Amino acid sequence: MNTIKIVILLFLITIFSIGCGGGDTTVKASNTTMGQELSDLDKAFKNGIITKREYENAKDDILQRYK
């Protein structure tokens, strides 16, 4: 009976400790400029990776961020 309690306790400790610690919590800053973002966006549009609508929406978002 005590063995079962110990196994259950160890199982619960393992489950609850999975979320404690570990994992990468670093924040990486972007060093891109508005010009670089617009250039990359233009390239994606010209290569057919995104649609005209996606291009316009993303362009508006970029311009808003740098206002």
PDB file of N, CA and C in Angstrom:
ATOM      1  N   MET A   1       0.827  -1.194   0.000  1.00  0.00           N
ATOM      2  CA  MET A   1       0.000   0.000   0.000  1.00  0.00           C
ATOM      3  C   MET A   1       0.869   1.255   0.000  1.00  0.00           C
ATOM      4  N   ASN A   2       1.912   1.270   0.809  1.00  0.00           N
ATOM      5  CA  ASN A   2       2.804   2.420   0.851  1.00  0.00           C
ATOM      6  C   ASN A   2       3.557   2.587  -0.459  1.00  0.00           C
ATOM      7  N   THR A   3       3.856   1.483  -1.127  1.00  0.00           N
ATOM      8  CA  THR A   3       4.564   1.546  -2.404  1.00  0.00           C
ATOM      9  C   THR A   3       3.709   2.257  -3.442  1.00  0.00           C
ATOM     10  N   ILE A   4       2.428   1.981  -3.454  1.00  0.00           N
ATOM     11  CA  ILE A   4       1.515   2.622  -4.397  1.00  0.00           C
ATOM     12  C   ILE A   4       1.451   4.123  -4.132  1.00  0.00           C
ATOM     13  N   LYS A   5       1.393   4.507  -2.863  1.00  0.00           N
ATOM     14  CA  LYS A   5       1.349   5.926  -2.499  1.00  0.00           C
ATOM     15  C   LYS A   5       2.625   6.629  -2.943  1.00  0.00           C
ATOM     16  N   ILE A   6       3.766   5.968  -2.766  1.00  0.00           N
ATOM     17  CA  ILE A   6       5.048   6.554  -3.171  1.00  0.00           C
ATOM     18  C   ILE A   6       5.103   6.717  -4.686  1.00  0.00           C
ATOM     19  N   VAL A   7       4.658   5.721  -5.423  1.00  0.00           N
ATOM     20  CA  VAL A   7       4.655   5.793  -6.885  1.00  0.00           C
ATOM     21  C   VAL A   7       3.746   6.925  -7.359  1.00  0.00           C
ATOM     22  N   ILE A   8       2.569   7.030  -6.775  1.00  0.00           N
ATOM     23  CA  ILE A   8       1.641   8.102  -7.146  1.00  0.00           C
ATOM     24  C   ILE A   8       2.233   9.462  -6.815  1.00  0.00           C
ATOM     25  N   LEU A   9       2.844   9.584  -5.658  1.00  0.00           N
ATOM     26  CA  LEU A   9       3.469  10.837  -5.254  1.00  0.00           C
ATOM     27  C   LEU A   9       4.589  11.226  -6.209  1.00  0.00           C
ATOM     28  N   LEU A  10       5.437  10.273  -6.560  1.00  0.00           N
ATOM     29  CA  LEU A  10       6.527  10.555  -7.507  1.00  0.00           C
ATOM     30  C   LEU A  10       5.979  10.942  -8.877  1.00  0.00           C
ATOM     31  N   PHE A  11       4.921  10.283  -9.292  1.00  0.00           N
ATOM     32  CA  PHE A  11       4.295  10.614 -10.567  1.00  0.00           C
ATOM     33  C   PHE A  11       3.771  12.047 -10.555  1.00  0.00           C
ATOM     34  N   LEU A  12       3.073  12.414  -9.489  1.00  0.00           N
ATOM     35  CA  LEU A  12       2.526  13.771  -9.394  1.00  0.00           C
ATOM     36  C   LEU A  12       3.624  14.822  -9.332  1.00  0.00           C
ATOM     37  N   ILE A  13       4.674  14.541  -8.610  1.00  0.00           N
ATOM     38  CA  ILE A  13       5.800  15.484  -8.534  1.00  0.00           C
ATOM     39  C   ILE A  13       6.409  15.675  -9.917  1.00  0.00           C
ATOM     40  N   THR A  14       6.553  14.580 -10.650  1.00  0.00           N
ATOM     41  CA  THR A  14       7.108  14.657 -12.000  1.00  0.00           C
ATOM     42  C   THR A  14       6.216  15.485 -12.911  1.00  0.00           C
ATOM     43  N   ILE A  15       4.927  15.241 -12.874  1.00  0.00           N
ATOM     44  CA  ILE A  15       3.980  15.965 -13.733  1.00  0.00           C
ATOM     45  C   ILE A  15       3.996  17.456 -13.420  1.00  0.00           C
ATOM     46  N   PHE A  16       3.960  17.806 -12.144  1.00  0.00           N
ATOM     47  CA  PHE A  16       3.910  19.217 -11.780  1.00  0.00           C
ATOM     48  C   PHE A  16       5.235  19.937 -11.947  1.00  0.00           C
ATOM     49  N   SER A  17       6.320  19.203 -11.942  1.00  0.00           N
ATOM     50  CA  SER A  17       7.612  19.866 -12.077  1.00  0.00           C
ATOM     51  C   SER A  17       8.030  20.055 -13.521  1.00  0.00           C
ATOM     52  N   ILE A  18       7.309  19.466 -14.457  1.00  0.00           N
ATOM     53  CA  ILE A  18       7.655  19.629 -15.868  1.00  0.00           C
ATOM     54  C   ILE A  18       7.586  21.092 -16.274  1.00  0.00           C
ATOM     55  N   GLY A  19       6.602  21.814 -15.789  1.00  0.00           N
ATOM     56  CA  GLY A  19       6.439  23.222 -16.151  1.00  0.00           C
ATOM     57  C   GLY A  19       7.315  24.163 -15.360  1.00  0.00           C
ATOM     58  N   CYS A  20       8.019  23.677 -14.386  1.00  0.00           N
ATOM     59  CA  CYS A  20       8.856  24.527 -13.547  1.00  0.00           C
ATOM     60  C   CYS A  20      10.278  24.568 -14.087  1.00  0.00           C
ATOM     61  N   GLY A  21      10.648  25.703 -14.582  1.00  0.00           N
ATOM     62  CA  GLY A  21      12.016  25.848 -15.062  1.00  0.00           C
ATOM     63  C   GLY A  21      12.188  25.263 -16.440  1.00  0.00           C
ATOM     64  N   GLY A  22      13.379  25.411 -16.934  1.00  0.00           N
ATOM     65  CA  GLY A  22      13.670  24.919 -18.264  1.00  0.00           C
ATOM     66  C   GLY A  22      13.039  25.807 -19.313  1.00  0.00           C
ATOM     67  N   GLY A  23      13.289  25.507 -20.520  1.00  0.00           N
ATOM     68  CA  GLY A  23      12.710  26.294 -21.602  1.00  0.00           C
ATOM     69  C   GLY A  23      13.487  27.563 -21.824  1.00  0.00           C
ATOM     70  N   ASP A  24      13.443  28.032 -23.046  1.00  0.00           N
ATOM     71  CA  ASP A  24      14.163  29.249 -23.409  1.00  0.00           C
ATOM     72  C   ASP A  24      13.233  30.436 -23.263  1.00  0.00           C
ATOM     73  N   THR A  25      13.566  31.346 -22.366  1.00  0.00           N
ATOM     74  CA  THR A  25      12.727  32.510 -22.151  1.00  0.00           C
ATOM     75  C   THR A  25      13.403  33.796 -22.598  1.00  0.00           C
ATOM     76  N   THR A  26      14.443  33.677 -23.416  1.00  0.00           N
ATOM     77  CA  THR A  26      15.131  34.870 -23.872  1.00  0.00           C
ATOM     78  C   THR A  26      14.290  35.588 -24.916  1.00  0.00           C
ATOM     79  N   VAL A  27      14.398  36.896 -24.916  1.00  0.00           N
ATOM     80  CA  VAL A  27      13.706  37.728 -25.887  1.00  0.00           C
ATOM     81  C   VAL A  27      14.740  38.240 -26.865  1.00  0.00           C
ATOM     82  N   LYS A  28      14.466  38.050 -28.127  1.00  0.00           N
ATOM     83  CA  LYS A  28      15.406  38.485 -29.151  1.00  0.00           C
ATOM     84  C   LYS A  28      14.872  39.736 -29.820  1.00  0.00           C
ATOM     85  N   ALA A  29      15.671  40.777 -29.814  1.00  0.00           N
ATOM     86  CA  ALA A  29      15.270  42.027 -30.431  1.00  0.00           C
ATOM     87  C   ALA A  29      15.534  41.966 -31.935  1.00  0.00           C
ATOM     88  N   SER A  30      14.670  42.601 -32.667  1.00  0.00           N
ATOM     89  CA  SER A  30      14.827  42.644 -34.116  1.00  0.00           C
ATOM     90  C   SER A  30      15.676  43.849 -34.487  1.00  0.00           C
ATOM     91  N   ASN A  31      16.613  43.640 -35.378  1.00  0.00           N
ATOM     92  CA  ASN A  31      17.470  44.728 -35.823  1.00  0.00           C
ATOM     93  C   ASN A  31      17.142  45.170 -37.235  1.00  0.00           C
ATOM     94  N   THR A  32      15.969  44.782 -37.735  1.00  0.00           N
ATOM     95  CA  THR A  32      15.602  45.162 -39.083  1.00  0.00           C
ATOM     96  C   THR A  32      15.083  46.585 -39.106  1.00  0.00           C
ATOM     97  N   THR A  33      15.227  47.199 -40.253  1.00  0.00           N
ATOM     98  CA  THR A  33      14.726  48.555 -40.440  1.00  0.00           C
ATOM     99  C   THR A  33      13.445  48.501 -41.259  1.00  0.00           C
ATOM    100  N   MET A  34      12.752  49.613 -41.305  1.00  0.00           N
ATOM    101  CA  MET A  34      11.544  49.683 -42.099  1.00  0.00           C
ATOM    102  C   MET A  34      11.870  49.395 -43.564  1.00  0.00           C
ATOM    103  N   GLY A  35      12.952  49.956 -44.037  1.00  0.00           N
ATOM    104  CA  GLY A  35      13.354  49.735 -45.426  1.00  0.00           C
ATOM    105  C   GLY A  35      13.616  48.268 -45.721  1.00  0.00           C
ATOM    106  N   GLN A  36      14.279  47.578 -44.808  1.00  0.00           N
ATOM    107  CA  GLN A  36      14.561  46.159 -45.005  1.00  0.00           C
ATOM    108  C   GLN A  36      13.285  45.340 -44.995  1.00  0.00           C
ATOM    109  N   GLU A  37      12.385  45.657 -44.084  1.00  0.00           N
ATOM    110  CA  GLU A  37      11.115  44.931 -44.032  1.00  0.00           C
ATOM    111  C   GLU A  37      10.302  45.138 -45.305  1.00  0.00           C
ATOM    112  N   LEU A  38      10.260  46.386 -45.789  1.00  0.00           N
ATOM    113  CA  LEU A  38       9.521  46.670 -47.018  1.00  0.00           C
ATOM    114  C   LEU A  38      10.173  45.987 -48.220  1.00  0.00           C
ATOM    115  N   SER A  39      11.487  45.966 -48.235  1.00  0.00           N
ATOM    116  CA  SER A  39      12.219  45.303 -49.315  1.00  0.00           C
ATOM    117  C   SER A  39      11.942  43.802 -49.323  1.00  0.00           C
ATOM    118  N   ASP A  40      11.990  43.191 -48.149  1.00  0.00           N
ATOM    119  CA  ASP A  40      11.700  41.760 -48.037  1.00  0.00           C
ATOM    120  C   ASP A  40      10.257  41.464 -48.451  1.00  0.00           C
ATOM    121  N   LEU A  41       9.356  42.330 -48.050  1.00  0.00           N
ATOM    122  CA  LEU A  41       7.951  42.165 -48.397  1.00  0.00           C
ATOM    123  C   LEU A  41       7.763  42.266 -49.906  1.00  0.00           C
ATOM    124  N   ASP A  42       8.401  43.250 -50.519  1.00  0.00           N
ATOM    125  CA  ASP A  42       8.315  43.434 -51.963  1.00  0.00           C
ATOM    126  C   ASP A  42       8.857  42.211 -52.706  1.00  0.00           C
ATOM    127  N   LYS A  43       9.953  41.692 -52.210  1.00  0.00           N
ATOM    128  CA  LYS A  43      10.565  40.504 -52.818  1.00  0.00           C
ATOM    129  C   LYS A  43       9.621  39.306 -52.723  1.00  0.00           C
ATOM    130  N   ALA A  44       8.970  39.143 -51.575  1.00  0.00           N
ATOM    131  CA  ALA A  44       8.030  38.037 -51.401  1.00  0.00           C
ATOM    132  C   ALA A  44       6.854  38.166 -52.359  1.00  0.00           C
ATOM    133  N   PHE A  45       6.386  39.394 -52.555  1.00  0.00           N
ATOM    134  CA  PHE A  45       5.270  39.618 -53.475  1.00  0.00           C
ATOM    135  C   PHE A  45       5.693  39.337 -54.917  1.00  0.00           C
ATOM    136  N   LYS A  46       6.837  39.855 -55.310  1.00  0.00           N
ATOM    137  CA  LYS A  46       7.317  39.660 -56.682  1.00  0.00           C
ATOM    138  C   LYS A  46       7.625  38.199 -56.988  1.00  0.00           C
ATOM    139  N   ASN A  47       7.992  37.427 -55.978  1.00  0.00           N
ATOM    140  CA  ASN A  47       8.275  36.002 -56.177  1.00  0.00           C
ATOM    141  C   ASN A  47       7.022  35.139 -56.069  1.00  0.00           C
ATOM    142  N   GLY A  48       5.866  35.774 -55.856  1.00  0.00           N
ATOM    143  CA  GLY A  48       4.606  35.049 -55.809  1.00  0.00           C
ATOM    144  C   GLY A  48       4.348  34.306 -54.511  1.00  0.00           C
ATOM    145  N   ILE A  49       5.095  34.656 -53.469  1.00  0.00           N
ATOM    146  CA  ILE A  49       4.943  33.981 -52.179  1.00  0.00           C
ATOM    147  C   ILE A  49       3.693  34.477 -51.454  1.00  0.00           C
ATOM    148  N   ILE A  50       3.367  35.758 -51.644  1.00  0.00           N
ATOM    149  CA  ILE A  50       2.182  36.333 -51.020  1.00  0.00           C
ATOM    150  C   ILE A  50       1.322  36.996 -52.087  1.00  0.00           C
ATOM    151  N   THR A  51       0.050  37.155 -51.775  1.00  0.00           N
ATOM    152  CA  THR A  51      -0.884  37.793 -52.706  1.00  0.00           C
ATOM    153  C   THR A  51      -0.795  39.312 -52.588  1.00  0.00           C
ATOM    154  N   LYS A  52      -1.431  39.974 -53.534  1.00  0.00           N
ATOM    155  CA  LYS A  52      -1.472  41.441 -53.511  1.00  0.00           C
ATOM    156  C   LYS A  52      -2.132  41.942 -52.230  1.00  0.00           C
ATOM    157  N   ARG A  53      -3.202  41.275 -51.821  1.00  0.00           N
ATOM    158  CA  ARG A  53      -3.907  41.674 -50.600  1.00  0.00           C
ATOM    159  C   ARG A  53      -3.007  41.509 -49.371  1.00  0.00           C
ATOM    160  N   GLU A  54      -2.313  40.372 -49.286  1.00  0.00           N
ATOM    161  CA  GLU A  54      -1.385  40.142 -48.169  1.00  0.00           C
ATOM    162  C   GLU A  54      -0.269  41.177 -48.179  1.00  0.00           C
ATOM    163  N   TYR A  55       0.197  41.496 -49.376  1.00  0.00           N
ATOM    164  CA  TYR A  55       1.251  42.513 -49.519  1.00  0.00           C
ATOM    165  C   TYR A  55       0.784  43.854 -48.977  1.00  0.00           C
ATOM    166  N   GLU A  56      -0.394  44.283 -49.403  1.00  0.00           N
ATOM    167  CA  GLU A  56      -0.920  45.579 -48.955  1.00  0.00           C
ATOM    168  C   GLU A  56      -1.151  45.608 -47.448  1.00  0.00           C
ATOM    169  N   ASN A  57      -1.715  44.536 -46.901  1.00  0.00           N
ATOM    170  CA  ASN A  57      -1.966  44.477 -45.451  1.00  0.00           C
ATOM    171  C   ASN A  57      -0.657  44.518 -44.666  1.00  0.00           C
ATOM    172  N   ALA A  58       0.326  43.740 -45.102  1.00  0.00           N
ATOM    173  CA  ALA A  58       1.610  43.705 -44.404  1.00  0.00           C
ATOM    174  C   ALA A  58       2.324  45.051 -44.528  1.00  0.00           C
ATOM    175  N   LYS A  59       2.236  45.662 -45.694  1.00  0.00           N
ATOM    176  CA  LYS A  59       2.856  46.977 -45.903  1.00  0.00           C
ATOM    177  C   LYS A  59       2.248  48.007 -44.958  1.00  0.00           C
ATOM    178  N   ASP A  60       0.923  47.998 -44.848  1.00  0.00           N
ATOM    179  CA  ASP A  60       0.244  48.920 -43.930  1.00  0.00           C
ATOM    180  C   ASP A  60       0.691  48.671 -42.486  1.00  0.00           C
ATOM    181  N   ASP A  61       0.820  47.404 -42.095  1.00  0.00           N
ATOM    182  CA  ASP A  61       1.264  47.074 -40.735  1.00  0.00           C
ATOM    183  C   ASP A  61       2.668  47.603 -40.473  1.00  0.00           C
ATOM    184  N   ILE A  62       3.544  47.426 -41.439  1.00  0.00           N
ATOM    185  CA  ILE A  62       4.929  47.909 -41.287  1.00  0.00           C
ATOM    186  C   ILE A  62       4.949  49.430 -41.156  1.00  0.00           C
ATOM    187  N   LEU A  63       4.227  50.103 -42.016  1.00  0.00           N
ATOM    188  CA  LEU A  63       4.198  51.579 -41.974  1.00  0.00           C
ATOM    189  C   LEU A  63       3.615  52.087 -40.651  1.00  0.00           C
ATOM    190  N   GLN A  64       2.615  51.396 -40.118  1.00  0.00           N
ATOM    191  CA  GLN A  64       2.025  51.788 -38.838  1.00  0.00           C
ATOM    192  C   GLN A  64       3.016  51.623 -37.692  1.00  0.00           C
ATOM    193  N   ARG A  65       3.802  50.545 -37.726  1.00  0.00           N
ATOM    194  CA  ARG A  65       4.777  50.295 -36.656  1.00  0.00           C
ATOM    195  C   ARG A  65       5.856  51.350 -36.597  1.00  0.00           C
ATOM    196  N   TYR A  66       6.193  51.949 -37.725  1.00  0.00           N
ATOM    197  CA  TYR A  66       7.287  52.918 -37.755  1.00  0.00           C
ATOM    198  C   TYR A  66       6.813  54.358 -37.717  1.00  0.00           C
ATOM    199  N   LYS A  67       5.517  54.562 -37.476  1.00  0.00           N
ATOM    200  CA  LYS A  67       5.002  55.949 -37.373  1.00  0.00           C
ATOM    201  C   LYS A  67       5.501  56.619 -36.133  1.00  0.00           C
TER     202      LYS A  67
END
